[in-house]
Amino acid sequence: MPESDNPPRDTAGRYARYLNPSEAPIRTESTICANCGTERPRAVSHRCAAPGLLTLTAATERVLAACRAAGGQPLIVGGSVRDALHEGAHQPKDVDIEVHGLTGYEPLSRELGKLGSVDLFGVSFGVLKLTVDGEDFDVSLPRRDSKTGDGHTGFDVEVDPTLDEVAAFGRRDFTVNAIGYDTAAGELVDPYAGIADLHDRVLRHTTAAFSEDPLRVLRAVQFAARFDMTLAPETADLAASIHDEFPHIAKERVWQEFRKLARVGVTPSRGLDVLVQTGWITWFPALNDTRGIQQDSTWHPEGDVFTHLSLAADEAVDAAARYELDAEARERVVLGAMLHDLGKVTDTQFHDDGRITSHGHAESGAPVVHDFLLSIGAPVQTAEWVSTVVQFHMRTAANQGTKPSAYAVRKLARALGDVPFREWAAVVDADQAGRGPGAKISPAAQWLDVYENGNGRPRISILRGEHLMSRGMAPGKEFKPILAASVEAQDAGEFTDEAGAVAWLDKHLAELS
């Protein structure tokens, strides 16, 4: 079972960061390359040596060779290069390649076709897709995007072989994604100083074209969470200027960005910071309304509800790791922690003696969480599971730190239904840890111990409909409350076998008559 008797990792640091954000260095007129140390301006050609940065698979080598055979000069671009710089030399997956020096797709398609089937569907977006030895590749040519309509899909794409590296990379969203790698020369291509921004953990747009695609703001949210980044002020201003473009983003794309934040974000609160900084938080009113909702400092010295949710989301990342949850479960746990106190918006009360309470907020918050998740495109099952955890995240409060009975644990497990008990425990852990200087040891470990090792798992109902019919009852709506009451009695230990169940039934029917 995961350790849970230790204080949460780096709580004080996260708390201080959230209340007093420390901006990483912002370099605008000139910057220093974190790879070669050269001082240089942005938006100019810059290459520097980085031999061995990427370990290429045989499939990648074959695709690069095909691009050269077509007469082009291929560069590996985007996430593969960014992640290698961020995580160290590694073997990239899902490689993106940009091929310079070609006037069209025909020779490239012909050479790539020798390696496998080339998907031409993406040509209208400037991309050829193929799979080689089970590895996926996107191969593109330098191109211009012309804004022709609303939202993130209203573009015409035109291949332009005259574009140099500066112009070609300028169509990418952020400087950290506008870094290329020339495998033939062993050189990094970094016209927008993305290496420096990655080193400084600053998320910055490449050009003013950023504002043409509102989806990029939500990408900023998940990238900030994923790489623990702050948003450059000028990028925040640009994002704020397209605030009203949000309705043009398809709901499924909104969900994709929130899902990435929850699945791979290392500091989800950074993403919430971006929503606030850009003003886009107003498009998510259930979250926005928690800002300024004060809490009793005895229990929550960290600040308002929004601050607590932000810190809890960060702690959920650690909790999911401790419980060894997979990506799908981690997603639900992070979202559960991020949303678990939405009910405080309506249930918070301020008393004359200075106390602040929010009785019933877990129950009232569950449907709010459910509706919020559906509004951002989450699957119905995700909304149901997360809202169920939220509904019961305060269940430990009834025990006031004492070890729960097997009955209490079985009752909770039945209420959770299909929701794994460990996911509930992880959200409770995050709630307790996400209180800044008021972080507490979570009681969830005791509940989980009883569940897994102390007779806390619900058993199959002993009393069945056939027992009711043996007492002369006809199947009907009267069965349901009696069977539900029998489950309650069974969990409470009033009977443990069939004979005891029948005896309980006779007594119960006598009381009803």
Protein backbone atom coordinates (compact mmCIF):
# COMPACT_ATOMS: atom_id res chain seq x y z
CA MET A 1 0.00 0.00 0.00
CA PRO A 2 1.38 3.49 -0.77
CA GLU A 3 3.04 5.53 1.94
CA SER A 4 0.72 8.24 3.24
CA ASP A 5 2.09 9.08 6.71
CA ASN A 6 4.54 11.62 5.33
CA PRO A 7 3.77 15.30 4.66
CA PRO A 8 3.15 16.10 0.98
CA ARG A 9 6.24 16.78 -1.09
CA ASP A 10 7.27 20.42 -1.50
CA THR A 11 3.99 21.78 -0.15
CA ALA A 12 5.58 24.98 1.12
CA GLY A 13 7.29 25.65 -2.19
CA ARG A 14 4.12 25.17 -4.20
CA TYR A 15 2.15 27.30 -1.78
CA ALA A 16 4.60 30.19 -1.99
CA ARG A 17 4.74 29.89 -5.76
CA TYR A 18 1.01 30.08 -6.14
CA LEU A 19 0.46 33.08 -3.88
CA ASN A 20 3.55 34.96 -5.02
CA PRO A 21 4.36 33.81 -8.55
CA SER A 22 8.08 34.17 -9.28
CA GLU A 23 8.44 34.97 -12.94
CA ALA A 24 11.24 33.27 -14.80
CA PRO A 25 13.54 35.65 -16.67
CA ILE A 26 11.75 37.32 -19.57
CA ARG A 27 14.08 38.10 -22.45
CA THR A 28 12.69 40.11 -25.31
CA GLU A 29 15.22 42.15 -27.30
CA SER A 30 18.02 39.60 -27.04
CA THR A 31 18.58 36.29 -25.36
CA ILE A 32 21.32 33.78 -24.66
CA CYS A 33 21.16 30.33 -26.20
CA ALA A 34 21.10 27.79 -23.38
CA ASN A 35 22.86 25.28 -25.65
CA CYS A 36 25.81 27.23 -27.06
CA GLY A 37 25.88 30.39 -24.91
CA THR A 38 25.60 32.75 -27.85
CA GLU A 39 23.78 36.05 -27.27
CA ARG A 40 21.37 36.62 -30.12
CA PRO A 41 18.08 38.35 -31.00
CA ARG A 42 14.88 36.46 -31.67
CA ALA A 43 13.42 35.80 -35.11
CA VAL A 44 16.78 35.39 -36.81
CA SER A 45 18.47 32.26 -38.10
CA HIS A 46 20.36 30.42 -35.39
CA ARG A 47 22.02 27.01 -35.50
CA CYS A 48 24.31 25.38 -32.96
CA ALA A 49 25.93 21.99 -32.55
CA ALA A 50 24.15 19.27 -30.54
CA PRO A 51 25.57 15.96 -31.69
CA GLY A 52 23.78 12.89 -30.41
CA LEU A 53 20.74 14.79 -29.14
CA LEU A 54 18.37 12.24 -30.65
CA THR A 55 18.81 8.50 -30.86
CA LEU A 56 17.15 7.58 -34.13
CA THR A 57 15.37 4.32 -34.80
CA ALA A 58 15.97 2.41 -38.00
CA ALA A 59 12.50 3.48 -39.19
CA THR A 60 13.31 7.16 -38.62
CA GLU A 61 16.60 6.82 -40.47
CA ARG A 62 14.76 5.27 -43.44
CA VAL A 63 12.16 8.08 -43.54
CA LEU A 64 14.89 10.74 -43.39
CA ALA A 65 16.78 8.97 -46.17
CA ALA A 66 13.61 8.93 -48.30
CA CYS A 67 13.20 12.68 -47.78
CA ARG A 68 16.77 13.25 -48.97
CA ALA A 69 16.26 10.92 -51.93
CA ALA A 70 13.34 13.16 -52.96
CA GLY A 71 15.78 16.10 -53.06
CA GLY A 72 14.82 17.65 -49.72
CA GLN A 73 16.65 18.65 -46.55
CA PRO A 74 14.69 17.14 -43.63
CA LEU A 75 14.55 18.56 -40.11
CA ILE A 76 13.01 16.80 -37.14
CA VAL A 77 10.78 19.42 -35.53
CA GLY A 78 8.39 20.05 -32.66
CA GLY A 79 7.81 17.85 -29.65
CA SER A 80 10.59 15.33 -30.31
CA VAL A 81 13.24 18.04 -30.15
CA ARG A 82 11.60 19.89 -27.28
CA ASP A 83 11.33 16.74 -25.19
CA ALA A 84 14.93 15.75 -25.91
CA LEU A 85 16.12 19.13 -24.67
CA HIS A 86 13.80 18.96 -21.68
CA GLU A 87 14.40 15.36 -20.67
CA GLY A 88 17.83 14.62 -22.12
CA ALA A 89 18.88 12.59 -25.15
CA HIS A 90 16.23 10.06 -26.01
CA GLN A 91 14.62 8.10 -28.79
CA PRO A 92 11.61 10.05 -30.11
CA LYS A 93 8.22 8.56 -30.92
CA ASP A 94 5.62 9.94 -33.33
CA VAL A 95 8.25 11.93 -35.21
CA ASP A 96 7.40 15.17 -37.07
CA ILE A 97 9.65 16.01 -40.02
CA GLU A 98 9.72 19.24 -42.04
CA VAL A 99 11.37 18.94 -45.44
CA HIS A 100 12.94 22.05 -47.00
CA GLY A 101 14.04 22.53 -50.62
CA LEU A 102 11.10 20.87 -52.40
CA THR A 103 8.49 22.57 -54.57
CA GLY A 104 5.73 20.00 -54.09
CA TYR A 105 4.66 16.74 -52.51
CA GLU A 106 4.95 14.46 -55.55
CA PRO A 107 8.61 13.37 -55.26
CA LEU A 108 8.31 13.13 -51.48
CA SER A 109 5.16 11.03 -51.65
CA ARG A 110 6.80 8.76 -54.23
CA GLU A 111 9.89 8.09 -52.09
CA LEU A 112 7.96 7.67 -48.87
CA GLY A 113 5.59 5.30 -50.64
CA LYS A 114 8.49 2.86 -51.00
CA LEU A 115 8.47 2.49 -47.20
CA GLY A 116 4.76 2.03 -46.67
CA SER A 117 1.32 3.38 -47.39
CA VAL A 118 1.23 7.19 -47.39
CA ASP A 119 -1.95 8.82 -46.10
CA LEU A 120 -2.67 11.76 -48.41
CA PHE A 121 -5.67 12.86 -46.39
CA GLY A 122 -3.59 15.43 -44.55
CA VAL A 123 -2.22 17.10 -47.66
CA SER A 124 -4.87 19.81 -47.45
CA PHE A 125 -3.32 20.66 -44.07
CA GLY A 126 0.19 20.36 -45.46
CA VAL A 127 1.04 16.96 -43.94
CA LEU A 128 1.79 13.46 -45.24
CA LYS A 129 1.27 10.65 -42.73
CA LEU A 130 2.79 7.20 -42.78
CA THR A 131 3.67 4.35 -40.47
CA VAL A 132 6.95 2.46 -40.73
CA ASP A 133 7.71 -0.53 -38.50
CA GLY A 134 4.89 0.49 -36.20
CA GLU A 135 6.20 4.07 -35.79
CA ASP A 136 4.10 7.06 -36.88
CA PHE A 137 5.51 9.94 -38.91
CA ASP A 138 4.10 13.30 -40.00
CA VAL A 139 6.05 14.75 -42.92
CA SER A 140 5.39 18.31 -44.07
CA LEU A 141 6.80 21.02 -46.29
CA PRO A 142 7.29 24.67 -45.29
CA ARG A 143 3.95 26.35 -45.74
CA ARG A 144 1.94 29.47 -45.16
CA ASP A 145 -1.37 29.49 -43.30
CA SER A 146 -3.94 32.01 -44.52
CA LYS A 147 -6.82 32.87 -42.20
CA THR A 148 -10.10 32.36 -44.07
CA GLY A 149 -12.69 31.73 -41.34
CA ASP A 150 -13.46 31.57 -37.65
CA GLY A 151 -11.83 29.38 -35.07
CA HIS A 152 -8.92 26.96 -35.23
CA THR A 153 -9.95 25.30 -38.52
CA GLY A 154 -10.53 28.36 -40.69
CA PHE A 155 -7.24 28.26 -42.63
CA ASP A 156 -6.01 27.72 -46.15
CA VAL A 157 -2.61 26.04 -46.34
CA GLU A 158 -0.19 26.76 -49.17
CA VAL A 159 3.21 25.12 -49.66
CA ASP A 160 5.92 27.76 -50.10
CA PRO A 161 9.38 26.40 -50.93
CA THR A 162 10.86 29.90 -50.68
CA LEU A 163 10.34 30.07 -46.92
CA ASP A 164 13.52 30.07 -44.89
CA GLU A 165 13.78 28.50 -41.45
CA VAL A 166 12.77 31.72 -39.68
CA ALA A 167 9.58 32.16 -41.69
CA ALA A 168 8.72 28.46 -41.69
CA PHE A 169 9.15 28.07 -37.93
CA GLY A 170 7.21 31.29 -37.32
CA ARG A 171 3.94 29.48 -38.10
CA ARG A 172 4.40 27.30 -35.01
CA ASP A 173 2.60 28.25 -31.82
CA PHE A 174 5.28 28.56 -29.12
CA THR A 175 9.00 29.12 -29.22
CA VAL A 176 9.62 25.83 -27.38
CA ASN A 177 7.83 24.02 -30.20
CA ALA A 178 9.69 25.98 -32.89
CA ILE A 179 12.98 24.14 -32.51
CA GLY A 180 14.31 21.79 -35.16
CA TYR A 181 17.12 19.27 -35.39
CA ASP A 182 19.21 18.67 -38.49
CA THR A 183 20.31 15.07 -38.09
CA ALA A 184 22.77 15.26 -41.00
CA ALA A 185 24.64 18.20 -39.46
CA GLY A 186 23.98 17.34 -35.81
CA GLU A 187 22.68 20.88 -35.28
CA LEU A 188 19.78 22.51 -33.48
CA VAL A 189 17.73 25.02 -35.46
CA ASP A 190 16.35 27.66 -33.10
CA PRO A 191 15.28 30.92 -34.78
CA TYR A 192 12.92 32.00 -31.98
CA ALA A 193 15.16 31.24 -28.98
CA GLY A 194 12.98 28.38 -27.83
CA ILE A 195 15.94 26.68 -26.17
CA ALA A 196 16.35 29.66 -23.81
CA ASP A 197 12.62 29.75 -23.07
CA LEU A 198 12.59 26.02 -22.36
CA HIS A 199 15.52 26.48 -19.99
CA ASP A 200 13.77 29.40 -18.26
CA ARG A 201 10.40 27.59 -18.29
CA VAL A 202 8.68 30.47 -20.12
CA LEU A 203 5.91 29.80 -22.61
CA ARG A 204 6.02 32.42 -25.36
CA HIS A 205 4.38 32.75 -28.79
CA THR A 206 6.56 32.89 -31.90
CA THR A 207 4.74 35.55 -33.93
CA ALA A 208 1.54 37.57 -33.91
CA ALA A 209 -0.01 34.81 -36.04
CA PHE A 210 -0.62 33.07 -32.70
CA SER A 211 -3.82 35.08 -32.35
CA GLU A 212 -5.30 33.55 -35.51
CA ASP A 213 -5.93 30.22 -33.76
CA PRO A 214 -7.82 30.41 -30.43
CA LEU A 215 -7.07 26.74 -29.67
CA ARG A 216 -3.50 27.83 -28.99
CA VAL A 217 -4.65 29.47 -25.76
CA LEU A 218 -5.88 26.14 -24.44
CA ARG A 219 -2.67 24.54 -25.66
CA ALA A 220 -0.88 27.11 -23.52
CA VAL A 221 -2.94 25.91 -20.56
CA GLN A 222 -1.87 22.30 -20.93
CA PHE A 223 1.74 23.10 -21.88
CA ALA A 224 2.14 25.29 -18.80
CA ALA A 225 0.85 22.43 -16.67
CA ARG A 226 2.91 19.80 -18.47
CA PHE A 227 6.26 21.60 -18.28
CA ASP A 228 5.71 23.72 -15.15
CA MET A 229 5.91 26.92 -17.18
CA THR A 230 4.83 30.51 -16.72
CA LEU A 231 3.21 32.40 -19.58
CA ALA A 232 5.13 35.36 -21.00
CA PRO A 233 3.21 38.61 -20.34
CA GLU A 234 3.11 39.53 -24.01
CA THR A 235 1.67 36.12 -24.86
CA ALA A 236 -0.95 36.51 -22.12
CA ASP A 237 -1.95 39.87 -23.59
CA LEU A 238 -2.26 38.39 -27.07
CA ALA A 239 -4.38 35.53 -25.74
CA ALA A 240 -6.59 37.97 -23.87
CA SER A 241 -7.18 39.89 -27.10
CA ILE A 242 -8.89 36.83 -28.64
CA HIS A 243 -10.97 35.99 -25.58
CA ASP A 244 -14.21 36.11 -27.56
CA GLU A 245 -12.98 33.45 -30.02
CA PHE A 246 -13.46 30.61 -27.54
CA PRO A 247 -16.95 29.62 -28.81
CA HIS A 248 -15.40 28.76 -32.18
CA ILE A 249 -13.36 25.92 -30.63
CA ALA A 250 -15.02 22.51 -30.97
CA LYS A 251 -15.92 20.94 -27.63
CA GLU A 252 -13.89 17.82 -28.37
CA ARG A 253 -10.77 19.97 -28.80
CA VAL A 254 -11.42 21.68 -25.48
CA TRP A 255 -11.60 18.27 -23.84
CA GLN A 256 -8.39 17.12 -25.52
CA GLU A 257 -6.45 19.93 -23.87
CA PHE A 258 -8.01 19.39 -20.44
CA ARG A 259 -7.36 15.66 -20.78
CA LYS A 260 -3.68 16.28 -21.55
CA LEU A 261 -3.43 18.60 -18.55
CA ALA A 262 -4.89 15.90 -16.31
CA ARG A 263 -2.94 12.99 -17.79
CA VAL A 264 0.55 14.44 -18.18
CA GLY A 265 0.58 17.79 -16.36
CA VAL A 266 3.24 17.90 -13.66
CA THR A 267 1.89 21.13 -12.16
CA PRO A 268 -1.78 21.53 -13.12
CA SER A 269 -2.02 24.80 -11.22
CA ARG A 270 0.20 26.39 -13.86
CA GLY A 271 -2.54 25.71 -16.38
CA LEU A 272 -5.12 27.31 -14.11
CA ASP A 273 -2.77 30.29 -13.76
CA VAL A 274 -2.84 30.68 -17.54
CA LEU A 275 -6.64 30.65 -17.58
CA VAL A 276 -6.67 33.46 -15.03
CA GLN A 277 -3.82 35.42 -16.60
CA THR A 278 -5.47 35.45 -20.02
CA GLY A 279 -9.02 36.03 -18.75
CA TRP A 280 -10.15 32.76 -20.34
CA ILE A 281 -11.17 31.47 -16.92
CA THR A 282 -14.49 33.27 -17.48
CA TRP A 283 -15.39 30.63 -20.09
CA PHE A 284 -15.37 28.10 -17.24
CA PRO A 285 -17.73 29.76 -14.74
CA ALA A 286 -17.91 26.83 -12.30
CA LEU A 287 -14.17 27.25 -11.73
CA ASN A 288 -14.14 31.02 -12.02
CA ASP A 289 -16.82 31.38 -9.36
CA THR A 290 -14.53 29.75 -6.76
CA ARG A 291 -12.16 32.71 -6.96
CA GLY A 292 -12.64 34.93 -3.93
CA ILE A 293 -14.74 32.39 -2.01
CA GLN A 294 -13.05 32.55 1.37
CA GLN A 295 -12.50 29.57 3.66
CA ASP A 296 -12.02 29.20 7.40
CA SER A 297 -8.31 29.78 7.99
CA THR A 298 -8.29 27.14 10.73
CA TRP A 299 -8.72 24.46 8.10
CA HIS A 300 -7.66 26.29 4.95
CA PRO A 301 -4.93 28.88 5.62
CA GLU A 302 -3.88 28.73 1.96
CA GLY A 303 -6.54 31.21 0.81
CA ASP A 304 -9.71 31.06 -1.24
CA VAL A 305 -11.34 28.00 -2.78
CA PHE A 306 -9.66 28.50 -6.15
CA THR A 307 -6.23 28.51 -4.50
CA HIS A 308 -7.12 25.29 -2.67
CA LEU A 309 -8.31 23.60 -5.86
CA SER A 310 -5.12 24.62 -7.65
CA LEU A 311 -2.89 23.23 -4.93
CA ALA A 312 -5.00 20.07 -4.61
CA ALA A 313 -4.67 19.44 -8.35
CA ASP A 314 -0.88 19.61 -8.00
CA GLU A 315 -0.96 17.22 -5.07
CA ALA A 316 -3.18 14.84 -7.05
CA VAL A 317 -0.26 14.29 -9.44
CA ASP A 318 1.81 12.99 -6.53
CA ALA A 319 -1.07 10.95 -5.14
CA ALA A 320 -1.68 9.26 -8.48
CA ALA A 321 2.00 8.33 -8.64
CA ARG A 322 2.00 6.93 -5.09
CA TYR A 323 -1.01 4.76 -5.87
CA GLU A 324 0.57 3.71 -9.18
CA LEU A 325 -2.51 4.71 -11.16
CA ASP A 326 -2.57 4.43 -14.93
CA ALA A 327 -3.11 7.43 -17.21
CA GLU A 328 -6.89 7.12 -17.31
CA ALA A 329 -7.19 6.87 -13.53
CA ARG A 330 -4.71 9.73 -13.07
CA GLU A 331 -6.88 11.84 -15.34
CA ARG A 332 -9.93 11.28 -13.13
CA VAL A 333 -7.99 11.89 -9.92
CA VAL A 334 -6.48 15.19 -11.10
CA LEU A 335 -9.86 16.40 -12.35
CA GLY A 336 -11.51 15.26 -9.12
CA ALA A 337 -9.00 17.20 -7.03
CA MET A 338 -9.28 20.26 -9.28
CA LEU A 339 -13.07 20.31 -8.98
CA HIS A 340 -13.88 18.72 -5.62
CA ASP A 341 -14.99 21.91 -3.85
CA LEU A 342 -17.15 23.55 -6.53
CA GLY A 343 -20.10 23.15 -4.17
CA LYS A 344 -18.59 25.73 -1.81
CA VAL A 345 -19.70 28.47 -4.19
CA THR A 346 -23.30 28.04 -3.06
CA ASP A 347 -22.84 26.38 0.34
CA THR A 348 -20.32 28.65 2.05
CA GLN A 349 -21.75 30.50 5.05
CA PHE A 350 -20.17 33.25 7.15
CA HIS A 351 -21.02 33.22 10.86
CA ASP A 352 -21.07 36.06 13.36
CA ASP A 353 -18.31 34.44 15.42
CA GLY A 354 -15.96 34.51 12.43
CA ARG A 355 -16.35 30.89 11.44
CA ILE A 356 -16.77 29.98 7.79
CA THR A 357 -18.56 26.72 7.00
CA SER A 358 -19.68 24.90 3.88
CA HIS A 359 -21.79 22.02 5.13
CA GLY A 360 -23.14 19.82 2.36
CA HIS A 361 -20.81 21.17 -0.31
CA ALA A 362 -19.67 17.70 -1.38
CA GLU A 363 -23.19 16.54 -2.18
CA SER A 364 -24.26 19.80 -3.82
CA GLY A 365 -21.01 20.03 -5.77
CA ALA A 366 -21.32 16.60 -7.41
CA PRO A 367 -23.91 17.62 -10.05
CA VAL A 368 -22.01 20.86 -10.69
CA VAL A 369 -18.87 18.83 -11.38
CA HIS A 370 -20.83 16.46 -13.60
CA ASP A 371 -22.25 19.31 -15.68
CA PHE A 372 -18.89 21.08 -15.88
CA LEU A 373 -17.15 18.02 -17.26
CA LEU A 374 -19.86 17.43 -19.85
CA SER A 375 -19.62 21.09 -20.86
CA ILE A 376 -15.93 20.69 -21.76
CA GLY A 377 -16.56 17.50 -23.71
CA ALA A 378 -15.60 14.84 -21.18
CA PRO A 379 -17.04 11.34 -21.72
CA VAL A 380 -20.18 10.62 -19.72
CA GLN A 381 -18.47 7.88 -17.70
CA THR A 382 -15.65 10.24 -16.73
CA ALA A 383 -18.19 12.83 -15.56
CA GLU A 384 -20.06 10.19 -13.57
CA TRP A 385 -16.97 8.73 -11.92
CA VAL A 386 -15.43 12.09 -10.99
CA SER A 387 -18.70 13.50 -9.65
CA THR A 388 -19.19 10.36 -7.55
CA VAL A 389 -15.77 10.80 -5.94
CA VAL A 390 -16.58 14.46 -5.29
CA GLN A 391 -19.89 13.52 -3.67
CA PHE A 392 -18.15 11.28 -1.13
CA HIS A 393 -14.80 13.03 -0.62
CA MET A 394 -15.89 14.25 2.83
CA ARG A 395 -16.90 10.81 4.10
CA THR A 396 -13.81 10.53 6.33
CA ALA A 397 -14.88 13.59 8.33
CA ALA A 398 -17.38 11.50 10.29
CA ASN A 399 -14.56 9.50 11.89
CA GLN A 400 -12.52 12.48 13.09
CA GLY A 401 -9.21 10.73 12.60
CA THR A 402 -10.18 7.37 14.09
CA LYS A 403 -9.90 4.13 12.19
CA PRO A 404 -13.18 3.45 10.36
CA SER A 405 -15.22 0.35 10.95
CA ALA A 406 -15.51 -2.30 8.28
CA TYR A 407 -19.18 -1.34 8.04
CA ALA A 408 -18.34 2.31 7.26
CA VAL A 409 -15.85 1.27 4.61
CA ARG A 410 -18.22 -1.24 3.01
CA LYS A 411 -20.95 1.40 2.94
CA LEU A 412 -18.63 3.86 1.20
CA ALA A 413 -17.45 1.21 -1.27
CA ARG A 414 -21.06 0.44 -2.22
CA ALA A 415 -21.76 4.16 -2.65
CA LEU A 416 -18.73 4.51 -4.93
CA GLY A 417 -20.05 1.72 -7.13
CA ASP A 418 -17.69 1.12 -10.04
CA VAL A 419 -15.28 3.86 -8.96
CA PRO A 420 -12.03 2.25 -7.75
CA PHE A 421 -11.48 2.84 -4.03
CA ARG A 422 -7.91 3.98 -4.65
CA GLU A 423 -9.07 6.82 -6.87
CA TRP A 424 -11.28 8.07 -4.08
CA ALA A 425 -8.36 7.77 -1.64
CA ALA A 426 -6.06 9.70 -3.98
CA VAL A 427 -8.51 12.62 -4.23
CA VAL A 428 -8.92 12.69 -0.43
CA ASP A 429 -5.12 12.72 -0.09
CA ALA A 430 -4.89 15.64 -2.53
CA ASP A 431 -7.60 17.55 -0.66
CA GLN A 432 -5.73 17.18 2.63
CA ALA A 433 -2.32 18.01 1.16
CA GLY A 434 -3.48 20.95 -0.97
CA ARG A 435 -3.80 23.37 1.94
CA GLY A 436 -0.41 25.07 1.88
CA PRO A 437 0.88 25.50 5.44
CA GLY A 438 -2.27 23.79 6.72
CA ALA A 439 -1.56 20.50 4.91
CA LYS A 440 -2.62 17.47 6.92
CA ILE A 441 -1.94 13.75 6.91
CA SER A 442 -4.71 12.15 4.94
CA PRO A 443 -7.12 9.77 6.70
CA ALA A 444 -7.72 7.91 3.44
CA ALA A 445 -4.90 5.44 4.14
CA GLN A 446 -6.81 4.00 7.11
CA TRP A 447 -9.93 3.58 5.02
CA LEU A 448 -7.98 1.97 2.20
CA ASP A 449 -6.27 -0.40 4.64
CA VAL A 450 -9.64 -1.58 5.99
CA TYR A 451 -10.96 -1.92 2.45
CA GLU A 452 -8.03 -3.96 1.19
CA ASN A 453 -6.96 -5.85 4.29
CA GLY A 454 -9.66 -5.56 6.93
CA ASN A 455 -12.93 -6.99 5.67
CA GLY A 456 -14.02 -3.72 4.13
CA ARG A 457 -14.92 -4.97 0.68
CA PRO A 458 -18.69 -5.25 0.05
CA ARG A 459 -19.98 -8.78 -0.26
CA ILE A 460 -22.61 -10.04 -2.65
CA SER A 461 -26.06 -9.58 -1.16
CA ILE A 462 -27.09 -12.70 0.75
CA LEU A 463 -30.82 -11.96 0.73
CA ARG A 464 -32.38 -12.36 -2.72
CA GLY A 465 -35.78 -12.06 -4.32
CA GLU A 466 -36.41 -15.79 -4.00
CA HIS A 467 -36.34 -15.40 -0.21
CA LEU A 468 -39.05 -12.74 -0.39
CA MET A 469 -41.17 -14.94 -2.65
CA SER A 470 -40.80 -17.82 -0.17
CA ARG A 471 -42.62 -15.57 2.29
CA GLY A 472 -45.56 -15.15 -0.07
CA MET A 473 -44.50 -11.86 -1.65
CA ALA A 474 -45.07 -11.28 -5.37
CA PRO A 475 -42.25 -9.58 -7.34
CA GLY A 476 -42.84 -5.86 -7.54
CA LYS A 477 -41.74 -2.44 -6.38
CA GLU A 478 -41.87 -3.54 -2.73
CA PHE A 479 -38.81 -5.72 -3.29
CA LYS A 480 -36.34 -2.87 -3.85
CA PRO A 481 -36.49 -1.11 -0.44
CA ILE A 482 -36.45 -4.43 1.42
CA LEU A 483 -33.42 -5.70 -0.48
CA ALA A 484 -31.67 -2.34 0.00
CA ALA A 485 -32.33 -2.50 3.73
CA SER A 486 -30.96 -6.05 3.81
CA VAL A 487 -27.71 -4.89 2.21
CA GLU A 488 -27.42 -2.17 4.84
CA ALA A 489 -28.01 -4.71 7.60
CA GLN A 490 -25.56 -7.18 6.06
CA ASP A 491 -22.83 -4.52 5.82
CA ALA A 492 -23.51 -3.59 9.46
CA GLY A 493 -22.89 -7.21 10.46
CA GLU A 494 -26.44 -8.05 11.55
CA PHE A 495 -26.19 -11.35 9.67
CA THR A 496 -23.44 -13.23 7.85
CA ASP A 497 -25.15 -16.24 6.27
CA GLU A 498 -28.37 -17.26 4.55
CA ALA A 499 -30.07 -18.45 7.74
CA GLY A 500 -29.34 -15.12 9.39
CA ALA A 501 -30.61 -13.27 6.33
CA VAL A 502 -33.93 -15.13 6.41
CA ALA A 503 -34.27 -14.50 10.15
CA TRP A 504 -33.61 -10.81 9.54
CA LEU A 505 -36.26 -10.82 6.77
CA ASP A 506 -38.90 -12.32 9.04
CA LYS A 507 -38.18 -9.74 11.71
CA HIS A 508 -38.17 -6.90 9.16
CA LEU A 509 -41.49 -7.99 7.63
CA ALA A 510 -43.01 -8.22 11.10
CA GLU A 511 -41.93 -4.66 11.82
CA LEU A 512 -43.46 -3.47 8.56
CA SER A 513 -46.82 -5.14 9.18
